[in-house]
């Protein structure tokens, strides 16, 4: 009996094959058992109504505006259905990095305008994100302008708007930090009905720059039980707002600015940079009961801090106990042994104070 032609992989008969009774079988009928099993499992894992859902494209992209112009030239006008769309940039309506674009039909006059960024609470999202990114890498407005110039991007917001965004970001970060530290403090009250709970904390300070000449410093307190930050104190010896007011030549304008700036001065410390850590720790311990209903009864320091002497008897009925951090002890012992080995040449060598031995011992 002559065999009927069933088609091959290069024709449509391989995908939709007709059987003797006239019905059409799909290509799934001729798949192997393993292939059908894999296909079935992939369909089971797909979410319901996946075919009806479209992908949401979000985020920002670097894009040459000329390429976008060429794209719109290939699109038909909604009114006349002809490829006659032109893209224009309106610099007068631009707000920082948010550009105002206009699509116009050259034949019928149809116009559609839009911004390149969405608004969040009356502000363009791209401006807030851009300023936040620059602050995250430690750069300001001058660096932002240089970046935009090198990348052939529109310049960022003007100084007044830039400072306004900075203040908004600072307030948002402060609110998040306060709520997070409040929750971290509440975790120490679990399974405890006492009004004031004793706890163990580790305190350490950091500065904006090295050399004990920094004008700004920060002291952080971390719970030794949960490992979470429960309080922070920022100290500064300078206020740029007050400096700008002092440079004002007109006495009337200077008095007006001073009246408006009452209560906004950022300088909250006078003294040397090393003393910032001691003062910051003292302030944190002084408000522990009011802020978190906690008493920091065990103080873990780095061994060189003088802050413990300020907070040793800061509570009326509780003596703060000083604890040593094992990591700092190991570091100091290792440094002392390496110095001893360097000053005494006979201590090194095989069977003596080698680098491997120091690493293992300390």
C-alpha atoms as a PDB file:
ATOM      1  CA  UNK A   1       0.000   0.000   0.000  1.00  0.00           C
ATOM      2  CA  UNK A   2       1.334   3.414  -0.935  1.00  0.00           C
ATOM      3  CA  UNK A   3       2.092   5.644   2.051  1.00  0.00           C
ATOM      4  CA  UNK A   4       0.353   9.009   2.135  1.00  0.00           C
ATOM      5  CA  UNK A   5       2.386  12.226   2.280  1.00  0.00           C
ATOM      6  CA  UNK A   6       2.281  13.781   5.719  1.00  0.00           C
ATOM      7  CA  UNK A   7       4.364  16.914   5.053  1.00  0.00           C
ATOM      8  CA  UNK A   8       7.702  17.929   6.553  1.00  0.00           C
ATOM      9  CA  UNK A   9       9.142  20.465   8.959  1.00  0.00           C
ATOM     10  CA  UNK A  10       9.273  23.207   6.311  1.00  0.00           C
ATOM     11  CA  UNK A  11       5.580  23.268   5.406  1.00  0.00           C
ATOM     12  CA  UNK A  12       2.339  24.009   7.226  1.00  0.00           C
ATOM     13  CA  UNK A  13       1.337  20.365   7.079  1.00  0.00           C
ATOM     14  CA  UNK A  14       3.809  19.620   9.845  1.00  0.00           C
ATOM     15  CA  UNK A  15       2.033  22.039  12.177  1.00  0.00           C
ATOM     16  CA  UNK A  16      -1.579  21.303  11.277  1.00  0.00           C
ATOM     17  CA  UNK A  17      -1.909  17.788   9.883  1.00  0.00           C
ATOM     18  CA  UNK A  18      -5.061  16.467   8.243  1.00  0.00           C
ATOM     19  CA  UNK A  19      -6.051  12.916   9.083  1.00  0.00           C
ATOM     20  CA  UNK A  20      -8.118  10.534   7.047  1.00  0.00           C
ATOM     21  CA  UNK A  21     -11.442  11.620   8.541  1.00  0.00           C
ATOM     22  CA  UNK A  22     -10.915  15.230   7.455  1.00  0.00           C
ATOM     23  CA  UNK A  23     -10.238  16.639  10.943  1.00  0.00           C
ATOM     24  CA  UNK A  24      -7.145  18.697  11.736  1.00  0.00           C
ATOM     25  CA  UNK A  25      -4.761  17.756  14.500  1.00  0.00           C
ATOM     26  CA  UNK A  26      -2.495  20.298  16.100  1.00  0.00           C
ATOM     27  CA  UNK A  27       1.230  19.909  16.427  1.00  0.00           C
ATOM     28  CA  UNK A  28       0.839  18.950  20.099  1.00  0.00           C
ATOM     29  CA  UNK A  29      -0.506  15.567  18.951  1.00  0.00           C
ATOM     30  CA  UNK A  30       2.846  14.663  17.435  1.00  0.00           C
ATOM     31  CA  UNK A  31       4.986  15.891  20.353  1.00  0.00           C
ATOM     32  CA  UNK A  32       6.809  13.400  22.493  1.00  0.00           C
ATOM     33  CA  UNK A  33       5.555  12.576  25.969  1.00  0.00           C
ATOM     34  CA  UNK A  34       8.404  14.525  27.608  1.00  0.00           C
ATOM     35  CA  UNK A  35       7.751  17.597  25.483  1.00  0.00           C
ATOM     36  CA  UNK A  36       4.022  17.540  26.288  1.00  0.00           C
ATOM     37  CA  UNK A  37       4.817  17.182  30.011  1.00  0.00           C
ATOM     38  CA  UNK A  38       7.173  20.164  29.999  1.00  0.00           C
ATOM     39  CA  UNK A  39       4.640  22.235  28.090  1.00  0.00           C
ATOM     40  CA  UNK A  40       1.885  21.298  30.522  1.00  0.00           C
ATOM     41  CA  UNK A  41       3.993  22.207  33.547  1.00  0.00           C
ATOM     42  CA  UNK A  42       4.896  25.599  32.084  1.00  0.00           C
ATOM     43  CA  UNK A  43       1.210  26.330  31.485  1.00  0.00           C
ATOM     44  CA  UNK A  44       0.356  25.358  35.048  1.00  0.00           C
ATOM     45  CA  UNK A  45       2.972  27.763  36.406  1.00  0.00           C
ATOM     46  CA  UNK A  46       1.713  30.679  34.327  1.00  0.00           C
ATOM     47  CA  UNK A  47      -0.589  33.101  36.194  1.00  0.00           C
ATOM     48  CA  UNK A  48      -4.301  33.115  35.380  1.00  0.00           C
ATOM     49  CA  UNK A  49      -5.328  35.287  32.471  1.00  0.00           C
ATOM     50  CA  UNK A  50      -1.670  35.788  31.579  1.00  0.00           C
ATOM     51  CA  UNK A  51      -2.568  36.240  27.915  1.00  0.00           C
ATOM     52  CA  UNK A  52      -4.813  39.189  28.728  1.00  0.00           C
ATOM     53  CA  UNK A  53      -2.146  41.001  30.737  1.00  0.00           C
ATOM     54  CA  UNK A  54       0.374  43.351  29.173  1.00  0.00           C
ATOM     55  CA  UNK A  55       3.839  44.048  30.485  1.00  0.00           C
ATOM     56  CA  UNK A  56       4.188  47.281  32.419  1.00  0.00           C
ATOM     57  CA  UNK A  57       7.228  49.199  31.200  1.00  0.00           C
ATOM     58  CA  UNK A  58       8.443  51.469  34.003  1.00  0.00           C
ATOM     59  CA  UNK A  59      11.539  53.389  34.979  1.00  0.00           C
ATOM     60  CA  UNK A  60      13.728  55.889  33.152  1.00  0.00           C
ATOM     61  CA  UNK A  61      15.996  55.429  30.134  1.00  0.00           C
ATOM     62  CA  UNK A  62      18.762  57.437  28.525  1.00  0.00           C
ATOM     63  CA  UNK A  63      17.506  58.079  25.011  1.00  0.00           C
ATOM     64  CA  UNK A  64      18.590  60.260  22.104  1.00  0.00           C
ATOM     65  CA  UNK A  65      15.699  62.620  21.390  1.00  0.00           C
ATOM     66  CA  UNK A  66      16.522  62.501  17.670  1.00  0.00           C
ATOM     67  CA  UNK A  67      15.710  58.772  17.619  1.00  0.00           C
ATOM     68  CA  UNK A  68      12.380  59.491  19.283  1.00  0.00           C
ATOM     69  CA  UNK A  69      11.695  62.120  16.636  1.00  0.00           C
ATOM     70  CA  UNK A  70      12.352  59.600  13.879  1.00  0.00           C
ATOM     71  CA  UNK A  71       9.991  57.153  15.579  1.00  0.00           C
ATOM     72  CA  UNK A  72       7.107  59.625  15.627  1.00  0.00           C
ATOM     73  CA  UNK A  73       7.694  60.494  11.986  1.00  0.00           C
ATOM     74  CA  UNK A  74       6.864  56.882  11.143  1.00  0.00           C
ATOM     75  CA  UNK A  75       3.602  56.920  13.100  1.00  0.00           C
ATOM     76  CA  UNK A  76       0.309  57.941  11.481  1.00  0.00           C
ATOM     77  CA  UNK A  77      -1.660  60.951  12.596  1.00  0.00           C
ATOM     78  CA  UNK A  78      -4.773  59.903  14.608  1.00  0.00           C
ATOM     79  CA  UNK A  79      -6.899  62.371  12.639  1.00  0.00           C
ATOM     80  CA  UNK A  80      -5.739  61.925   9.043  1.00  0.00           C
ATOM     81  CA  UNK A  81      -4.025  58.535   9.410  1.00  0.00           C
ATOM     82  CA  UNK A  82      -0.925  59.654   7.578  1.00  0.00           C
ATOM     83  CA  UNK A  83       2.706  59.632   8.656  1.00  0.00           C
ATOM     84  CA  UNK A  84       3.102  63.321   9.315  1.00  0.00           C
ATOM     85  CA  UNK A  85       3.925  63.630  13.061  1.00  0.00           C
ATOM     86  CA  UNK A  86       6.632  66.003  14.275  1.00  0.00           C
ATOM     87  CA  UNK A  87       8.229  66.057  17.737  1.00  0.00           C
ATOM     88  CA  UNK A  88       9.155  69.350  19.411  1.00  0.00           C
ATOM     89  CA  UNK A  89      10.760  70.213  22.744  1.00  0.00           C
ATOM     90  CA  UNK A  90       9.308  73.213  24.577  1.00  0.00           C
ATOM     91  CA  UNK A  91      12.103  74.597  26.800  1.00  0.00           C
ATOM     92  CA  UNK A  92       9.844  77.257  28.304  1.00  0.00           C
ATOM     93  CA  UNK A  93       7.715  74.575  29.994  1.00  0.00           C
ATOM     94  CA  UNK A  94      10.615  72.441  31.230  1.00  0.00           C
ATOM     95  CA  UNK A  95      10.966  71.832  34.987  1.00  0.00           C
ATOM     96  CA  UNK A  96      14.444  70.613  35.802  1.00  0.00           C
ATOM     97  CA  UNK A  97      15.008  67.209  34.227  1.00  0.00           C
ATOM     98  CA  UNK A  98      11.334  66.919  33.252  1.00  0.00           C
ATOM     99  CA  UNK A  99      11.072  68.026  29.635  1.00  0.00           C
ATOM    100  CA  UNK A 100       7.855  69.151  27.965  1.00  0.00           C
ATOM    101  CA  UNK A 101       7.409  67.498  24.557  1.00  0.00           C
ATOM    102  CA  UNK A 102       4.818  68.204  21.877  1.00  0.00           C
ATOM    103  CA  UNK A 103       3.683  65.946  19.026  1.00  0.00           C
ATOM    104  CA  UNK A 104       2.083  67.807  16.149  1.00  0.00           C
ATOM    105  CA  UNK A 105       0.689  66.822  12.760  1.00  0.00           C
ATOM    106  CA  UNK A 106       2.168  68.962  10.018  1.00  0.00           C
ATOM    107  CA  UNK A 107      -0.968  68.690   7.886  1.00  0.00           C
ATOM    108  CA  UNK A 108      -4.073  68.883  10.081  1.00  0.00           C
ATOM    109  CA  UNK A 109      -2.641  70.652  13.153  1.00  0.00           C
ATOM    110  CA  UNK A 110      -3.400  67.831  15.620  1.00  0.00           C
ATOM    111  CA  UNK A 111      -1.320  68.390  18.822  1.00  0.00           C
ATOM    112  CA  UNK A 112      -0.529  66.215  21.829  1.00  0.00           C
ATOM    113  CA  UNK A 113       1.708  67.394  24.687  1.00  0.00           C
ATOM    114  CA  UNK A 114       3.244  65.451  27.585  1.00  0.00           C
ATOM    115  CA  UNK A 115       6.044  65.566  30.170  1.00  0.00           C
ATOM    116  CA  UNK A 116       8.850  63.030  30.286  1.00  0.00           C
ATOM    117  CA  UNK A 117       8.155  62.292  33.955  1.00  0.00           C
ATOM    118  CA  UNK A 118       5.114  61.631  36.050  1.00  0.00           C
ATOM    119  CA  UNK A 119       4.167  63.792  39.022  1.00  0.00           C
ATOM    120  CA  UNK A 120       4.148  62.594  42.614  1.00  0.00           C
ATOM    121  CA  UNK A 121       2.525  64.967  45.106  1.00  0.00           C
ATOM    122  CA  UNK A 122       2.719  67.931  42.725  1.00  0.00           C
ATOM    123  CA  UNK A 123       6.424  67.330  41.999  1.00  0.00           C
ATOM    124  CA  UNK A 124       8.094  65.603  39.090  1.00  0.00           C
ATOM    125  CA  UNK A 125       9.465  62.226  40.073  1.00  0.00           C
ATOM    126  CA  UNK A 126      12.599  62.498  37.906  1.00  0.00           C
ATOM    127  CA  UNK A 127      13.810  65.616  39.738  1.00  0.00           C
ATOM    128  CA  UNK A 128      13.445  64.040  43.170  1.00  0.00           C
ATOM    129  CA  UNK A 129      15.131  60.841  42.045  1.00  0.00           C
ATOM    130  CA  UNK A 130      17.989  62.679  40.366  1.00  0.00           C
ATOM    131  CA  UNK A 131      18.718  64.845  43.408  1.00  0.00           C
ATOM    132  CA  UNK A 132      18.414  61.830  45.698  1.00  0.00           C
ATOM    133  CA  UNK A 133      20.902  59.922  43.542  1.00  0.00           C
ATOM    134  CA  UNK A 134      23.396  62.797  43.661  1.00  0.00           C
ATOM    135  CA  UNK A 135      23.061  63.037  47.440  1.00  0.00           C
ATOM    136  CA  UNK A 136      23.514  59.285  47.775  1.00  0.00           C
ATOM    137  CA  UNK A 137      26.932  59.483  46.086  1.00  0.00           C
ATOM    138  CA  UNK A 138      27.921  62.573  48.070  1.00  0.00           C
ATOM    139  CA  UNK A 139      27.563  65.189  45.324  1.00  0.00           C
ATOM    140  CA  UNK A 140      25.667  68.469  45.107  1.00  0.00           C
ATOM    141  CA  UNK A 141      24.162  70.773  42.535  1.00  0.00           C
ATOM    142  CA  UNK A 142      27.431  71.761  40.847  1.00  0.00           C
ATOM    143  CA  UNK A 143      28.257  68.106  40.204  1.00  0.00           C
ATOM    144  CA  UNK A 144      24.713  67.553  38.946  1.00  0.00           C
ATOM    145  CA  UNK A 145      25.095  70.371  36.419  1.00  0.00           C
ATOM    146  CA  UNK A 146      28.423  69.001  35.184  1.00  0.00           C
ATOM    147  CA  UNK A 147      26.938  65.537  34.830  1.00  0.00           C
ATOM    148  CA  UNK A 148      24.043  66.853  32.759  1.00  0.00           C
ATOM    149  CA  UNK A 149      26.394  68.914  30.615  1.00  0.00           C
ATOM    150  CA  UNK A 150      28.669  65.952  29.844  1.00  0.00           C
ATOM    151  CA  UNK A 151      25.707  63.693  29.085  1.00  0.00           C
ATOM    152  CA  UNK A 152      24.021  66.336  26.883  1.00  0.00           C
ATOM    153  CA  UNK A 153      20.991  66.333  29.177  1.00  0.00           C
ATOM    154  CA  UNK A 154      18.820  69.281  30.203  1.00  0.00           C
ATOM    155  CA  UNK A 155      20.265  71.034  33.283  1.00  0.00           C
ATOM    156  CA  UNK A 156      18.856  70.150  36.698  1.00  0.00           C
ATOM    157  CA  UNK A 157      16.547  72.327  38.743  1.00  0.00           C
ATOM    158  CA  UNK A 158      17.582  75.868  39.677  1.00  0.00           C
ATOM    159  CA  UNK A 159      19.250  76.420  43.093  1.00  0.00           C
ATOM    160  CA  UNK A 160      15.996  77.340  44.854  1.00  0.00           C
ATOM    161  CA  UNK A 161      14.125  74.276  43.593  1.00  0.00           C
ATOM    162  CA  UNK A 162      17.176  72.097  44.174  1.00  0.00           C
ATOM    163  CA  UNK A 163      17.332  73.169  47.843  1.00  0.00           C
ATOM    164  CA  UNK A 164      13.592  72.669  48.182  1.00  0.00           C
ATOM    165  CA  UNK A 165      13.944  69.086  46.933  1.00  0.00           C
ATOM    166  CA  UNK A 166      16.906  68.555  49.257  1.00  0.00           C
ATOM    167  CA  UNK A 167      14.847  69.666  52.251  1.00  0.00           C
ATOM    168  CA  UNK A 168      11.935  67.452  51.229  1.00  0.00           C
ATOM    169  CA  UNK A 169      14.242  64.437  50.904  1.00  0.00           C
ATOM    170  CA  UNK A 170      15.870  65.215  54.248  1.00  0.00           C
ATOM    171  CA  UNK A 171      12.492  65.398  55.990  1.00  0.00           C
ATOM    172  CA  UNK A 172      11.353  62.139  54.398  1.00  0.00           C
ATOM    173  CA  UNK A 173      14.583  60.371  55.392  1.00  0.00           C
ATOM    174  CA  UNK A 174      14.289  61.740  58.921  1.00  0.00           C
ATOM    175  CA  UNK A 175      10.694  60.533  59.288  1.00  0.00           C
ATOM    176  CA  UNK A 176      11.607  57.059  58.052  1.00  0.00           C
ATOM    177  CA  UNK A 177      14.630  56.918  60.373  1.00  0.00           C
ATOM    178  CA  UNK A 178      12.594  57.982  63.403  1.00  0.00           C
ATOM    179  CA  UNK A 179       9.827  55.453  62.752  1.00  0.00           C
ATOM    180  CA  UNK A 180      12.358  52.675  62.128  1.00  0.00           C
ATOM    181  CA  UNK A 181      14.286  53.428  65.332  1.00  0.00           C
ATOM    182  CA  UNK A 182      11.002  53.649  67.239  1.00  0.00           C
ATOM    183  CA  UNK A 183      10.062  50.152  66.060  1.00  0.00           C
ATOM    184  CA  UNK A 184      13.535  48.870  66.931  1.00  0.00           C
ATOM    185  CA  UNK A 185      13.146  50.243  70.441  1.00  0.00           C
ATOM    186  CA  UNK A 186       9.738  48.632  70.849  1.00  0.00           C
ATOM    187  CA  UNK A 187      11.212  45.220  70.020  1.00  0.00           C
ATOM    188  CA  UNK A 188      13.165  45.363  73.283  1.00  0.00           C
ATOM    189  CA  UNK A 189       9.897  45.562  75.248  1.00  0.00           C
ATOM    190  CA  UNK A 190       8.652  42.124  74.206  1.00  0.00           C
ATOM    191  CA  UNK A 191       7.558  39.862  77.052  1.00  0.00           C
ATOM    192  CA  UNK A 192       8.328  42.602  79.556  1.00  0.00           C
ATOM    193  CA  UNK A 193       5.710  44.538  81.505  1.00  0.00           C
ATOM    194  CA  UNK A 194       8.122  46.950  83.168  1.00  0.00           C
ATOM    195  CA  UNK A 195       7.699  50.572  82.246  1.00  0.00           C
ATOM    196  CA  UNK A 196      11.439  51.105  81.753  1.00  0.00           C
ATOM    197  CA  UNK A 197      13.434  48.209  80.329  1.00  0.00           C
ATOM    198  CA  UNK A 198      17.223  47.795  80.743  1.00  0.00           C
ATOM    199  CA  UNK A 199      19.177  46.894  77.620  1.00  0.00           C
ATOM    200  CA  UNK A 200      22.677  46.637  76.198  1.00  0.00           C
ATOM    201  CA  UNK A 201      23.915  49.048  73.569  1.00  0.00           C
ATOM    202  CA  UNK A 202      26.980  49.703  71.472  1.00  0.00           C
ATOM    203  CA  UNK A 203      27.906  53.330  70.773  1.00  0.00           C
ATOM    204  CA  UNK A 204      30.381  54.705  68.282  1.00  0.00           C
ATOM    205  CA  UNK A 205      31.031  57.977  66.489  1.00  0.00           C
ATOM    206  CA  UNK A 206      32.067  58.912  62.993  1.00  0.00           C
ATOM    207  CA  UNK A 207      33.113  62.146  61.322  1.00  0.00           C
ATOM    208  CA  UNK A 208      32.733  63.700  57.903  1.00  0.00           C
ATOM    209  CA  UNK A 209      36.495  63.798  57.370  1.00  0.00           C
ATOM    210  CA  UNK A 210      39.616  62.454  59.037  1.00  0.00           C
ATOM    211  CA  UNK A 211      42.298  64.281  60.987  1.00  0.00           C
ATOM    212  CA  UNK A 212      40.132  65.453  63.920  1.00  0.00           C
ATOM    213  CA  UNK A 213      39.288  68.644  62.024  1.00  0.00           C
ATOM    214  CA  UNK A 214      35.784  67.789  60.863  1.00  0.00           C
ATOM    215  CA  UNK A 215      32.994  70.270  61.427  1.00  0.00           C
ATOM    216  CA  UNK A 216      30.310  67.551  61.406  1.00  0.00           C
ATOM    217  CA  UNK A 217      30.013  64.287  63.296  1.00  0.00           C
ATOM    218  CA  UNK A 218      27.505  61.544  64.009  1.00  0.00           C
ATOM    219  CA  UNK A 219      27.030  59.180  66.948  1.00  0.00           C
ATOM    220  CA  UNK A 220      25.086  55.949  66.500  1.00  0.00           C
ATOM    221  CA  UNK A 221      23.633  53.629  69.144  1.00  0.00           C
ATOM    222  CA  UNK A 222      22.909  50.005  68.249  1.00  0.00           C
ATOM    223  CA  UNK A 223      21.134  47.436  70.384  1.00  0.00           C
ATOM    224  CA  UNK A 224      23.440  44.563  71.322  1.00  0.00           C
ATOM    225  CA  UNK A 225      20.427  42.235  71.509  1.00  0.00           C
ATOM    226  CA  UNK A 226      18.814  42.906  68.112  1.00  0.00           C
ATOM    227  CA  UNK A 227      21.661  44.531  66.189  1.00  0.00           C
ATOM    228  CA  UNK A 228      19.351  47.361  65.082  1.00  0.00           C
ATOM    229  CA  UNK A 229      19.960  51.089  65.330  1.00  0.00           C
ATOM    230  CA  UNK A 230      17.815  52.687  68.017  1.00  0.00           C
ATOM    231  CA  UNK A 231      19.153  56.257  68.156  1.00  0.00           C
ATOM    232  CA  UNK A 232      21.368  58.694  66.264  1.00  0.00           C
ATOM    233  CA  UNK A 233      22.742  62.093  67.183  1.00  0.00           C
ATOM    234  CA  UNK A 234      24.143  64.402  64.494  1.00  0.00           C
ATOM    235  CA  UNK A 235      26.434  67.195  65.646  1.00  0.00           C
ATOM    236  CA  UNK A 236      27.649  70.194  63.682  1.00  0.00           C
ATOM    237  CA  UNK A 237      29.829  73.197  64.504  1.00  0.00           C
ATOM    238  CA  UNK A 238      28.801  75.281  61.521  1.00  0.00           C
ATOM    239  CA  UNK A 239      25.587  76.544  59.928  1.00  0.00           C
ATOM    240  CA  UNK A 240      25.782  77.668  56.311  1.00  0.00           C
ATOM    241  CA  UNK A 241      22.471  79.513  56.600  1.00  0.00           C
ATOM    242  CA  UNK A 242      23.824  81.685  59.401  1.00  0.00           C
ATOM    243  CA  UNK A 243      26.976  82.325  57.376  1.00  0.00           C
ATOM    244  CA  UNK A 244      24.954  83.568  54.425  1.00  0.00           C
ATOM    245  CA  UNK A 245      23.016  85.930  56.694  1.00  0.00           C
ATOM    246  CA  UNK A 246      26.215  87.297  58.248  1.00  0.00           C
ATOM    247  CA  UNK A 247      27.537  88.172  54.789  1.00  0.00           C
ATOM    248  CA  UNK A 248      24.499  90.374  54.089  1.00  0.00           C
ATOM    249  CA  UNK A 249      25.541  94.042  53.836  1.00  0.00           C
ATOM    250  CA  UNK A 250      22.128  95.635  54.207  1.00  0.00           C
ATOM    251  CA  UNK A 251      21.236  95.764  57.911  1.00  0.00           C
ATOM    252  CA  UNK A 252      17.470  95.791  57.312  1.00  0.00           C
ATOM    253  CA  UNK A 253      17.629  92.767  55.021  1.00  0.00           C
ATOM    254  CA  UNK A 254      19.952  91.059  57.469  1.00  0.00           C
ATOM    255  CA  UNK A 255      17.505  91.612  60.347  1.00  0.00           C
ATOM    256  CA  UNK A 256      14.618  90.228  58.283  1.00  0.00           C
ATOM    257  CA  UNK A 257      16.581  87.100  57.378  1.00  0.00           C
ATOM    258  CA  UNK A 258      17.651  86.596  60.986  1.00  0.00           C
ATOM    259  CA  UNK A 259      14.032  86.811  62.137  1.00  0.00           C
ATOM    260  CA  UNK A 260      12.981  84.255  59.509  1.00  0.00           C
ATOM    261  CA  UNK A 261      15.842  81.913  60.426  1.00  0.00           C
ATOM    262  CA  UNK A 262      15.058  81.699  64.135  1.00  0.00           C
ATOM    263  CA  UNK A 263      15.042  78.053  65.238  1.00  0.00           C
ATOM    264  CA  UNK A 264      16.590  76.810  61.989  1.00  0.00           C
ATOM    265  CA  UNK A 265      20.286  77.049  62.885  1.00  0.00           C
ATOM    266  CA  UNK A 266      22.089  73.749  62.213  1.00  0.00           C
ATOM    267  CA  UNK A 267      25.003  74.384  64.587  1.00  0.00           C
ATOM    268  CA  UNK A 268      24.333  72.403  67.781  1.00  0.00           C
ATOM    269  CA  UNK A 269      27.836  71.838  69.173  1.00  0.00           C
ATOM    270  CA  UNK A 270      30.849  73.870  70.220  1.00  0.00           C
ATOM    271  CA  UNK A 271      34.162  72.195  70.904  1.00  0.00           C
ATOM    272  CA  UNK A 272      36.724  69.938  69.302  1.00  0.00           C
ATOM    273  CA  UNK A 273      35.917  67.198  66.816  1.00  0.00           C
ATOM    274  CA  UNK A 274      37.006  64.335  69.151  1.00  0.00           C
ATOM    275  CA  UNK A 275      34.632  65.663  71.823  1.00  0.00           C
ATOM    276  CA  UNK A 276      31.662  65.155  69.516  1.00  0.00           C
ATOM    277  CA  UNK A 277      31.474  61.444  70.318  1.00  0.00           C
ATOM    278  CA  UNK A 278      31.363  62.062  74.065  1.00  0.00           C
ATOM    279  CA  UNK A 279      28.703  64.736  73.761  1.00  0.00           C
ATOM    280  CA  UNK A 280      26.621  62.688  71.360  1.00  0.00           C
ATOM    281  CA  UNK A 281      26.627  59.610  73.592  1.00  0.00           C
ATOM    282  CA  UNK A 282      25.640  61.736  76.591  1.00  0.00           C
ATOM    283  CA  UNK A 283      22.671  63.198  74.709  1.00  0.00           C
ATOM    284  CA  UNK A 284      21.518  59.774  73.546  1.00  0.00           C
ATOM    285  CA  UNK A 285      21.666  58.298  77.050  1.00  0.00           C
ATOM    286  CA  UNK A 286      19.894  61.335  78.528  1.00  0.00           C
ATOM    287  CA  UNK A 287      16.813  60.862  76.313  1.00  0.00           C
ATOM    288  CA  UNK A 288      16.651  57.058  76.333  1.00  0.00           C
ATOM    289  CA  UNK A 289      13.869  56.861  78.931  1.00  0.00           C
ATOM    290  CA  UNK A 290      11.730  59.526  77.268  1.00  0.00           C
ATOM    291  CA  UNK A 291      12.292  58.277  73.721  1.00  0.00           C
ATOM    292  CA  UNK A 292      12.130  54.490  74.093  1.00  0.00           C
ATOM    293  CA  UNK A 293      11.415  53.845  77.795  1.00  0.00           C
ATOM    294  CA  UNK A 294      14.810  52.148  77.929  1.00  0.00           C
ATOM    295  CA  UNK A 295      17.839  52.347  80.173  1.00  0.00           C
ATOM    296  CA  UNK A 296      21.166  51.583  78.536  1.00  0.00           C
ATOM    297  CA  UNK A 297      22.657  49.692  81.461  1.00  0.00           C
ATOM    298  CA  UNK A 298      25.541  48.060  79.552  1.00  0.00           C
ATOM    299  CA  UNK A 299      27.840  50.165  77.386  1.00  0.00           C
ATOM    300  CA  UNK A 300      29.893  48.508  74.646  1.00  0.00           C
ATOM    301  CA  UNK A 301      32.632  50.834  73.433  1.00  0.00           C
ATOM    302  CA  UNK A 302      35.764  50.641  71.341  1.00  0.00           C
ATOM    303  CA  UNK A 303      38.087  50.870  74.369  1.00  0.00           C
ATOM    304  CA  UNK A 304      39.340  54.347  73.503  1.00  0.00           C
ATOM    305  CA  UNK A 305      36.135  56.282  74.015  1.00  0.00           C
ATOM    306  CA  UNK A 306      35.861  58.753  76.877  1.00  0.00           C
ATOM    307  CA  UNK A 307      32.088  58.764  76.589  1.00  0.00           C
ATOM    308  CA  UNK A 308      31.664  56.142  79.304  1.00  0.00           C
ATOM    309  CA  UNK A 309      32.838  58.575  81.979  1.00  0.00           C
ATOM    310  CA  UNK A 310      29.981  60.905  80.996  1.00  0.00           C
ATOM    311  CA  UNK A 311      27.249  58.271  81.135  1.00  0.00           C
ATOM    312  CA  UNK A 312      28.503  56.038  83.953  1.00  0.00           C
ATOM    313  CA  UNK A 313      26.116  57.574  86.488  1.00  0.00           C
ATOM    314  CA  UNK A 314      23.668  59.298  84.163  1.00  0.00           C
ATOM    315  CA  UNK A 315      20.712  57.363  85.619  1.00  0.00           C
ATOM    316  CA  UNK A 316      19.685  58.094  89.204  1.00  0.00           C
ATOM    317  CA  UNK A 317      19.274  54.535  90.444  1.00  0.00           C
ATOM    318  CA  UNK A 318      21.266  52.502  87.900  1.00  0.00           C
ATOM    319  CA  UNK A 319      25.008  52.213  87.336  1.00  0.00           C
ATOM    320  CA  UNK A 320      25.999  51.767  83.707  1.00  0.00           C
ATOM    321  CA  UNK A 321      28.414  48.864  83.291  1.00  0.00           C
ATOM    322  CA  UNK A 322      31.215  49.105  80.758  1.00  0.00           C
ATOM    323  CA  UNK A 323      31.783  46.194  78.394  1.00  0.00           C
ATOM    324  CA  UNK A 324      34.600  45.662  75.925  1.00  0.00           C
ATOM    325  CA  UNK A 325      34.031  44.825  72.294  1.00  0.00           C
ATOM    326  CA  UNK A 326      35.886  41.631  71.398  1.00  0.00           C
ATOM    327  CA  UNK A 327      36.567  42.827  67.881  1.00  0.00           C
ATOM    328  CA  UNK A 328      38.258  46.027  69.062  1.00  0.00           C
ATOM    329  CA  UNK A 329      40.286  44.122  71.663  1.00  0.00           C
ATOM    330  CA  UNK A 330      41.557  41.726  68.997  1.00  0.00           C
ATOM    331  CA  UNK A 331      42.422  44.648  66.749  1.00  0.00           C
ATOM    332  CA  UNK A 332      44.403  46.484  69.449  1.00  0.00           C
ATOM    333  CA  UNK A 333      46.261  43.345  70.546  1.00  0.00           C
ATOM    334  CA  UNK A 334      47.195  42.517  66.967  1.00  0.00           C
ATOM    335  CA  UNK A 335      48.424  46.062  66.340  1.00  0.00           C
ATOM    336  CA  UNK A 336      50.539  45.986  69.523  1.00  0.00           C
ATOM    337  CA  UNK A 337      52.103  42.631  68.627  1.00  0.00           C
ATOM    338  CA  UNK A 338      52.977  43.757  65.107  1.00  0.00           C
ATOM    339  CA  UNK A 339      54.574  46.889  66.493  1.00  0.00           C
ATOM    340  CA  UNK A 340      56.528  44.821  69.011  1.00  0.00           C
ATOM    341  CA  UNK A 341      57.729  42.489  66.272  1.00  0.00           C
ATOM    342  CA  UNK A 342      58.841  45.404  64.117  1.00  0.00           C
ATOM    343  CA  UNK A 343      60.825  47.036  66.923  1.00  0.00           C
ATOM    344  CA  UNK A 344      62.466  43.772  68.016  1.00  0.00           C
ATOM    345  CA  UNK A 345      63.977  41.975  65.047  1.00  0.00           C
ATOM    346  CA  UNK A 346      64.556  38.691  66.889  1.00  0.00           C
ATOM    347  CA  UNK A 347      60.876  38.029  67.513  1.00  0.00           C
ATOM    348  CA  UNK A 348      60.089  37.150  63.905  1.00  0.00           C
ATOM    349  CA  UNK A 349      60.881  34.009  61.975  1.00  0.00           C
ATOM    350  CA  UNK A 350      59.977  30.341  62.017  1.00  0.00           C
ATOM    351  CA  UNK A 351      58.484  29.181  65.315  1.00  0.00           C
ATOM    352  CA  UNK A 352      58.129  32.756  66.573  1.00  0.00           C
ATOM    353  CA  UNK A 353      55.774  35.682  65.927  1.00  0.00           C
ATOM    354  CA  UNK A 354      54.979  35.154  62.283  1.00  0.00           C
ATOM    355  CA  UNK A 355      52.121  36.916  60.501  1.00  0.00           C
ATOM    356  CA  UNK A 356      50.149  33.682  60.449  1.00  0.00           C
ATOM    357  CA  UNK A 357      50.609  33.215  64.179  1.00  0.00           C
ATOM    358  CA  UNK A 358      49.484  36.765  64.905  1.00  0.00           C
ATOM    359  CA  UNK A 359      46.430  36.313  62.721  1.00  0.00           C
ATOM    360  CA  UNK A 360      45.514  33.098  64.537  1.00  0.00           C
ATOM    361  CA  UNK A 361      46.298  34.209  68.090  1.00  0.00           C
ATOM    362  CA  UNK A 362      44.631  37.596  68.174  1.00  0.00           C
END
